[in-house]
């Protein structure tokens, strides 16, 4: 559901107006979280940079080879991850670097086999700076320098990893952890 609140009304994905009897903040927070793919309290509109609160995200991952550069690890890790999936449609993909090792991640799904085909992990939630990176495939060499610039903030939290969220084929979200 998308939220276009006019008193106790919201519009569904099909465009129907739906009335919510109890329209307390907790109900709207849940709807907003669904709309923002797990991010809650996102600033309105999707500005190029905004501060969001991300919920913990359970994922499956494939780790890259730490002897190689991050730029070499990422495509191979994603190729290995995607090769074991029946479909990529409707899945949320992430990337993170842990101690020099790139992890290609996909959010856990109810249809995942048990036991899972890859190791599991949780992308840590909390406050993040969200930076939109449009047309990322044409600008792969700029992802690293963009992260380096964003981590220069005084409230950067080095205890959590920076995250790439592959939102669409043409849009990447860089998530930089913030203290507080």
C-alpha atoms as a PDB file:
ATOM      1  CA  UNK A   1       0.000   0.000   0.000  1.00  0.00           C
ATOM      2  CA  UNK A   2       1.182   3.483  -0.684  1.00  0.00           C
ATOM      3  CA  UNK A   3       0.378   6.134   1.840  1.00  0.00           C
ATOM      4  CA  UNK A   4      -1.576   9.158   0.776  1.00  0.00           C
ATOM      5  CA  UNK A   5      -3.108  10.044   4.098  1.00  0.00           C
ATOM      6  CA  UNK A   6      -6.185  12.201   4.130  1.00  0.00           C
ATOM      7  CA  UNK A   7      -7.418  11.731   7.666  1.00  0.00           C
ATOM      8  CA  UNK A   8      -8.012   7.969   7.862  1.00  0.00           C
ATOM      9  CA  UNK A   9      -7.740   7.129   4.144  1.00  0.00           C
ATOM     10  CA  UNK A  10      -4.948   5.420   2.198  1.00  0.00           C
ATOM     11  CA  UNK A  11      -4.756   4.222  -1.392  1.00  0.00           C
ATOM     12  CA  UNK A  12      -3.970   0.631  -2.241  1.00  0.00           C
ATOM     13  CA  UNK A  13      -1.629  -0.460  -5.032  1.00  0.00           C
ATOM     14  CA  UNK A  14      -4.640  -0.880  -7.289  1.00  0.00           C
ATOM     15  CA  UNK A  15      -5.670   2.725  -6.688  1.00  0.00           C
ATOM     16  CA  UNK A  16      -8.660   2.121  -4.402  1.00  0.00           C
ATOM     17  CA  UNK A  17      -9.254   4.363  -1.427  1.00  0.00           C
ATOM     18  CA  UNK A  18      -9.290   2.337   1.775  1.00  0.00           C
ATOM     19  CA  UNK A  19     -10.408   3.682   5.132  1.00  0.00           C
ATOM     20  CA  UNK A  20      -8.413   2.739   8.214  1.00  0.00           C
ATOM     21  CA  UNK A  21     -10.456   2.786  11.403  1.00  0.00           C
ATOM     22  CA  UNK A  22      -7.524   3.029  13.810  1.00  0.00           C
ATOM     23  CA  UNK A  23      -4.953   5.174  12.081  1.00  0.00           C
ATOM     24  CA  UNK A  24      -2.441   5.392  14.919  1.00  0.00           C
ATOM     25  CA  UNK A  25       1.242   6.021  14.344  1.00  0.00           C
ATOM     26  CA  UNK A  26       2.156   2.352  14.728  1.00  0.00           C
ATOM     27  CA  UNK A  27      -0.082   1.323  11.788  1.00  0.00           C
ATOM     28  CA  UNK A  28       1.326   4.086   9.567  1.00  0.00           C
ATOM     29  CA  UNK A  29       4.897   3.153  10.538  1.00  0.00           C
ATOM     30  CA  UNK A  30       4.260  -0.416   9.376  1.00  0.00           C
ATOM     31  CA  UNK A  31       2.826   0.781   6.054  1.00  0.00           C
ATOM     32  CA  UNK A  32       5.726   3.220   5.596  1.00  0.00           C
ATOM     33  CA  UNK A  33       8.219   0.427   6.332  1.00  0.00           C
ATOM     34  CA  UNK A  34       6.669  -1.782   3.639  1.00  0.00           C
ATOM     35  CA  UNK A  35       6.761   1.104   1.167  1.00  0.00           C
ATOM     36  CA  UNK A  36      10.449   1.777   1.822  1.00  0.00           C
ATOM     37  CA  UNK A  37      11.645  -1.875   1.657  1.00  0.00           C
ATOM     38  CA  UNK A  38      12.405  -2.217   5.355  1.00  0.00           C
ATOM     39  CA  UNK A  39      13.420   1.384   6.004  1.00  0.00           C
ATOM     40  CA  UNK A  40      11.339   3.158   8.618  1.00  0.00           C
ATOM     41  CA  UNK A  41      11.130   6.859   9.402  1.00  0.00           C
ATOM     42  CA  UNK A  42      12.434   7.758   5.945  1.00  0.00           C
ATOM     43  CA  UNK A  43      12.384  11.435   5.165  1.00  0.00           C
ATOM     44  CA  UNK A  44       9.568  12.315   2.753  1.00  0.00           C
ATOM     45  CA  UNK A  45      10.193  12.179  -0.991  1.00  0.00           C
ATOM     46  CA  UNK A  46      13.328  10.307  -2.039  1.00  0.00           C
ATOM     47  CA  UNK A  47      15.974  12.999  -1.946  1.00  0.00           C
ATOM     48  CA  UNK A  48      19.474  12.132  -3.143  1.00  0.00           C
ATOM     49  CA  UNK A  49      20.624  11.915   0.505  1.00  0.00           C
ATOM     50  CA  UNK A  50      18.365  11.175   3.454  1.00  0.00           C
ATOM     51  CA  UNK A  51      18.676   9.631   6.894  1.00  0.00           C
ATOM     52  CA  UNK A  52      16.640   6.456   7.452  1.00  0.00           C
ATOM     53  CA  UNK A  53      16.244   3.825  10.143  1.00  0.00           C
ATOM     54  CA  UNK A  54      16.739   0.343   8.721  1.00  0.00           C
ATOM     55  CA  UNK A  55      15.383  -2.822  10.321  1.00  0.00           C
ATOM     56  CA  UNK A  56      17.669  -5.881  10.623  1.00  0.00           C
ATOM     57  CA  UNK A  57      17.595  -7.793   7.316  1.00  0.00           C
ATOM     58  CA  UNK A  58      18.197 -11.580   7.376  1.00  0.00           C
ATOM     59  CA  UNK A  59      20.108 -12.564   4.224  1.00  0.00           C
ATOM     60  CA  UNK A  60      21.786 -15.415   2.376  1.00  0.00           C
ATOM     61  CA  UNK A  61      25.252 -14.504   1.133  1.00  0.00           C
ATOM     62  CA  UNK A  62      28.193 -15.581  -0.998  1.00  0.00           C
ATOM     63  CA  UNK A  63      31.593 -14.258   0.079  1.00  0.00           C
ATOM     64  CA  UNK A  64      34.191 -13.094  -2.415  1.00  0.00           C
ATOM     65  CA  UNK A  65      37.888 -13.996  -2.461  1.00  0.00           C
ATOM     66  CA  UNK A  66      39.663 -11.623  -0.014  1.00  0.00           C
ATOM     67  CA  UNK A  67      42.915 -11.976  -2.000  1.00  0.00           C
ATOM     68  CA  UNK A  68      41.280  -9.980  -4.840  1.00  0.00           C
ATOM     69  CA  UNK A  69      40.100  -6.363  -4.991  1.00  0.00           C
ATOM     70  CA  UNK A  70      36.501  -5.513  -4.080  1.00  0.00           C
ATOM     71  CA  UNK A  71      35.833  -4.681  -7.747  1.00  0.00           C
ATOM     72  CA  UNK A  72      36.842  -8.223  -8.728  1.00  0.00           C
ATOM     73  CA  UNK A  73      35.078  -9.934  -5.807  1.00  0.00           C
ATOM     74  CA  UNK A  74      31.619  -8.395  -6.302  1.00  0.00           C
ATOM     75  CA  UNK A  75      30.697  -9.688  -9.807  1.00  0.00           C
ATOM     76  CA  UNK A  76      31.931 -13.213  -9.056  1.00  0.00           C
ATOM     77  CA  UNK A  77      30.095 -13.344  -5.712  1.00  0.00           C
ATOM     78  CA  UNK A  78      26.848 -12.146  -7.302  1.00  0.00           C
ATOM     79  CA  UNK A  79      27.201 -14.621 -10.189  1.00  0.00           C
ATOM     80  CA  UNK A  80      27.576 -17.478  -7.686  1.00  0.00           C
ATOM     81  CA  UNK A  81      24.616 -16.250  -5.629  1.00  0.00           C
ATOM     82  CA  UNK A  82      22.289 -15.761  -8.592  1.00  0.00           C
ATOM     83  CA  UNK A  83      23.208 -19.130 -10.134  1.00  0.00           C
ATOM     84  CA  UNK A  84      21.488 -21.005  -7.293  1.00  0.00           C
ATOM     85  CA  UNK A  85      18.256 -18.998  -7.348  1.00  0.00           C
ATOM     86  CA  UNK A  86      15.196 -20.133  -9.272  1.00  0.00           C
ATOM     87  CA  UNK A  87      14.211 -16.523 -10.030  1.00  0.00           C
ATOM     88  CA  UNK A  88      15.604 -13.088  -9.268  1.00  0.00           C
ATOM     89  CA  UNK A  89      12.202 -11.433  -9.597  1.00  0.00           C
ATOM     90  CA  UNK A  90      10.902  -9.844  -6.416  1.00  0.00           C
ATOM     91  CA  UNK A  91      14.155 -10.365  -4.475  1.00  0.00           C
ATOM     92  CA  UNK A  92      16.142  -7.642  -2.699  1.00  0.00           C
ATOM     93  CA  UNK A  93      19.900  -7.727  -3.314  1.00  0.00           C
ATOM     94  CA  UNK A  94      22.578  -6.150  -1.138  1.00  0.00           C
ATOM     95  CA  UNK A  95      26.346  -5.925  -0.985  1.00  0.00           C
ATOM     96  CA  UNK A  96      28.565  -5.385   2.074  1.00  0.00           C
ATOM     97  CA  UNK A  97      32.277  -5.505   2.821  1.00  0.00           C
ATOM     98  CA  UNK A  98      33.375  -7.297   6.003  1.00  0.00           C
ATOM     99  CA  UNK A  99      37.109  -7.239   6.808  1.00  0.00           C
ATOM    100  CA  UNK A 100      38.083  -6.834   3.141  1.00  0.00           C
ATOM    101  CA  UNK A 101      35.714  -9.566   1.915  1.00  0.00           C
ATOM    102  CA  UNK A 102      32.759  -8.631  -0.286  1.00  0.00           C
ATOM    103  CA  UNK A 103      29.456 -10.331   0.534  1.00  0.00           C
ATOM    104  CA  UNK A 104      26.812 -10.542  -2.180  1.00  0.00           C
ATOM    105  CA  UNK A 105      23.524 -10.853  -0.272  1.00  0.00           C
ATOM    106  CA  UNK A 106      19.879 -11.534  -0.977  1.00  0.00           C
ATOM    107  CA  UNK A 107      17.132 -10.988   1.596  1.00  0.00           C
ATOM    108  CA  UNK A 108      15.669 -14.222   2.983  1.00  0.00           C
ATOM    109  CA  UNK A 109      12.361 -15.218   1.442  1.00  0.00           C
ATOM    110  CA  UNK A 110       9.598 -17.564   2.586  1.00  0.00           C
ATOM    111  CA  UNK A 111      10.241 -19.745  -0.485  1.00  0.00           C
ATOM    112  CA  UNK A 112      13.934 -20.299   0.309  1.00  0.00           C
ATOM    113  CA  UNK A 113      14.825 -23.992   0.617  1.00  0.00           C
ATOM    114  CA  UNK A 114      15.543 -25.450   4.018  1.00  0.00           C
ATOM    115  CA  UNK A 115      18.426 -25.808   4.663  1.00  0.00           C
ATOM    116  CA  UNK A 116      19.480 -22.705   2.703  1.00  0.00           C
ATOM    117  CA  UNK A 117      21.985 -23.165  -0.145  1.00  0.00           C
ATOM    118  CA  UNK A 118      24.286 -20.434   1.225  1.00  0.00           C
ATOM    119  CA  UNK A 119      25.414 -19.180   4.637  1.00  0.00           C
ATOM    120  CA  UNK A 120      23.031 -16.850   6.444  1.00  0.00           C
ATOM    121  CA  UNK A 121      23.745 -13.525   8.108  1.00  0.00           C
ATOM    122  CA  UNK A 122      21.876 -10.424   9.254  1.00  0.00           C
ATOM    123  CA  UNK A 123      22.520  -6.981   7.812  1.00  0.00           C
ATOM    124  CA  UNK A 124      22.486  -4.846  10.966  1.00  0.00           C
ATOM    125  CA  UNK A 125      19.720  -2.302  11.294  1.00  0.00           C
ATOM    126  CA  UNK A 126      19.927   1.192  12.738  1.00  0.00           C
ATOM    127  CA  UNK A 127      20.365   4.710  11.399  1.00  0.00           C
ATOM    128  CA  UNK A 128      21.853   5.013   7.915  1.00  0.00           C
ATOM    129  CA  UNK A 129      22.569   7.792   5.480  1.00  0.00           C
ATOM    130  CA  UNK A 130      20.872   6.756   2.233  1.00  0.00           C
ATOM    131  CA  UNK A 131      22.520   8.086  -0.924  1.00  0.00           C
ATOM    132  CA  UNK A 132      20.860   7.481  -4.307  1.00  0.00           C
ATOM    133  CA  UNK A 133      23.308   6.375  -6.970  1.00  0.00           C
ATOM    134  CA  UNK A 134      21.458   6.385 -10.322  1.00  0.00           C
ATOM    135  CA  UNK A 135      22.759   4.541 -13.385  1.00  0.00           C
ATOM    136  CA  UNK A 136      25.216   2.572 -11.263  1.00  0.00           C
ATOM    137  CA  UNK A 137      26.173   0.089 -13.994  1.00  0.00           C
ATOM    138  CA  UNK A 138      27.690   2.893 -16.076  1.00  0.00           C
ATOM    139  CA  UNK A 139      29.515   4.294 -13.030  1.00  0.00           C
ATOM    140  CA  UNK A 140      30.904   1.220 -11.255  1.00  0.00           C
ATOM    141  CA  UNK A 141      34.276   2.867 -10.659  1.00  0.00           C
ATOM    142  CA  UNK A 142      32.576   5.667  -8.669  1.00  0.00           C
ATOM    143  CA  UNK A 143      30.913   3.447  -6.037  1.00  0.00           C
ATOM    144  CA  UNK A 144      34.042   3.093  -3.862  1.00  0.00           C
ATOM    145  CA  UNK A 145      34.991   6.790  -3.965  1.00  0.00           C
ATOM    146  CA  UNK A 146      31.366   7.714  -3.167  1.00  0.00           C
ATOM    147  CA  UNK A 147      31.447   5.493  -0.068  1.00  0.00           C
ATOM    148  CA  UNK A 148      34.786   7.053   0.963  1.00  0.00           C
ATOM    149  CA  UNK A 149      33.284  10.544   0.715  1.00  0.00           C
ATOM    150  CA  UNK A 150      30.130   9.583   2.629  1.00  0.00           C
ATOM    151  CA  UNK A 151      32.101   7.954   5.468  1.00  0.00           C
ATOM    152  CA  UNK A 152      33.839  11.267   6.221  1.00  0.00           C
ATOM    153  CA  UNK A 153      30.784  12.415   8.175  1.00  0.00           C
ATOM    154  CA  UNK A 154      31.461  13.024  11.882  1.00  0.00           C
ATOM    155  CA  UNK A 155      28.574  10.709  12.890  1.00  0.00           C
ATOM    156  CA  UNK A 156      29.805   7.735  10.777  1.00  0.00           C
ATOM    157  CA  UNK A 157      29.546   4.422  12.702  1.00  0.00           C
ATOM    158  CA  UNK A 158      32.553   2.238  11.819  1.00  0.00           C
ATOM    159  CA  UNK A 159      31.210  -0.715  13.865  1.00  0.00           C
ATOM    160  CA  UNK A 160      28.625  -1.582  11.183  1.00  0.00           C
ATOM    161  CA  UNK A 161      29.243  -2.214   7.474  1.00  0.00           C
ATOM    162  CA  UNK A 162      28.362   0.117   4.640  1.00  0.00           C
ATOM    163  CA  UNK A 163      25.668  -1.505   2.489  1.00  0.00           C
ATOM    164  CA  UNK A 164      24.810  -1.399  -1.195  1.00  0.00           C
ATOM    165  CA  UNK A 165      21.105  -1.935  -1.875  1.00  0.00           C
ATOM    166  CA  UNK A 166      20.454  -2.794  -5.513  1.00  0.00           C
ATOM    167  CA  UNK A 167      16.980  -1.290  -5.637  1.00  0.00           C
ATOM    168  CA  UNK A 168      16.456  -1.550  -9.388  1.00  0.00           C
ATOM    169  CA  UNK A 169      18.551  -2.292 -12.442  1.00  0.00           C
ATOM    170  CA  UNK A 170      19.210   1.417 -12.809  1.00  0.00           C
ATOM    171  CA  UNK A 171      19.350   2.527  -9.174  1.00  0.00           C
ATOM    172  CA  UNK A 172      21.685   1.673  -6.327  1.00  0.00           C
ATOM    173  CA  UNK A 173      21.272   2.941  -2.774  1.00  0.00           C
ATOM    174  CA  UNK A 174      24.469   3.443  -0.780  1.00  0.00           C
ATOM    175  CA  UNK A 175      23.735   3.008   2.935  1.00  0.00           C
ATOM    176  CA  UNK A 176      26.304   4.440   5.350  1.00  0.00           C
ATOM    177  CA  UNK A 177      25.798   3.615   9.073  1.00  0.00           C
ATOM    178  CA  UNK A 178      25.380   6.536  11.462  1.00  0.00           C
ATOM    179  CA  UNK A 179      25.704   6.687  15.249  1.00  0.00           C
ATOM    180  CA  UNK A 180      22.724   7.476  17.409  1.00  0.00           C
END
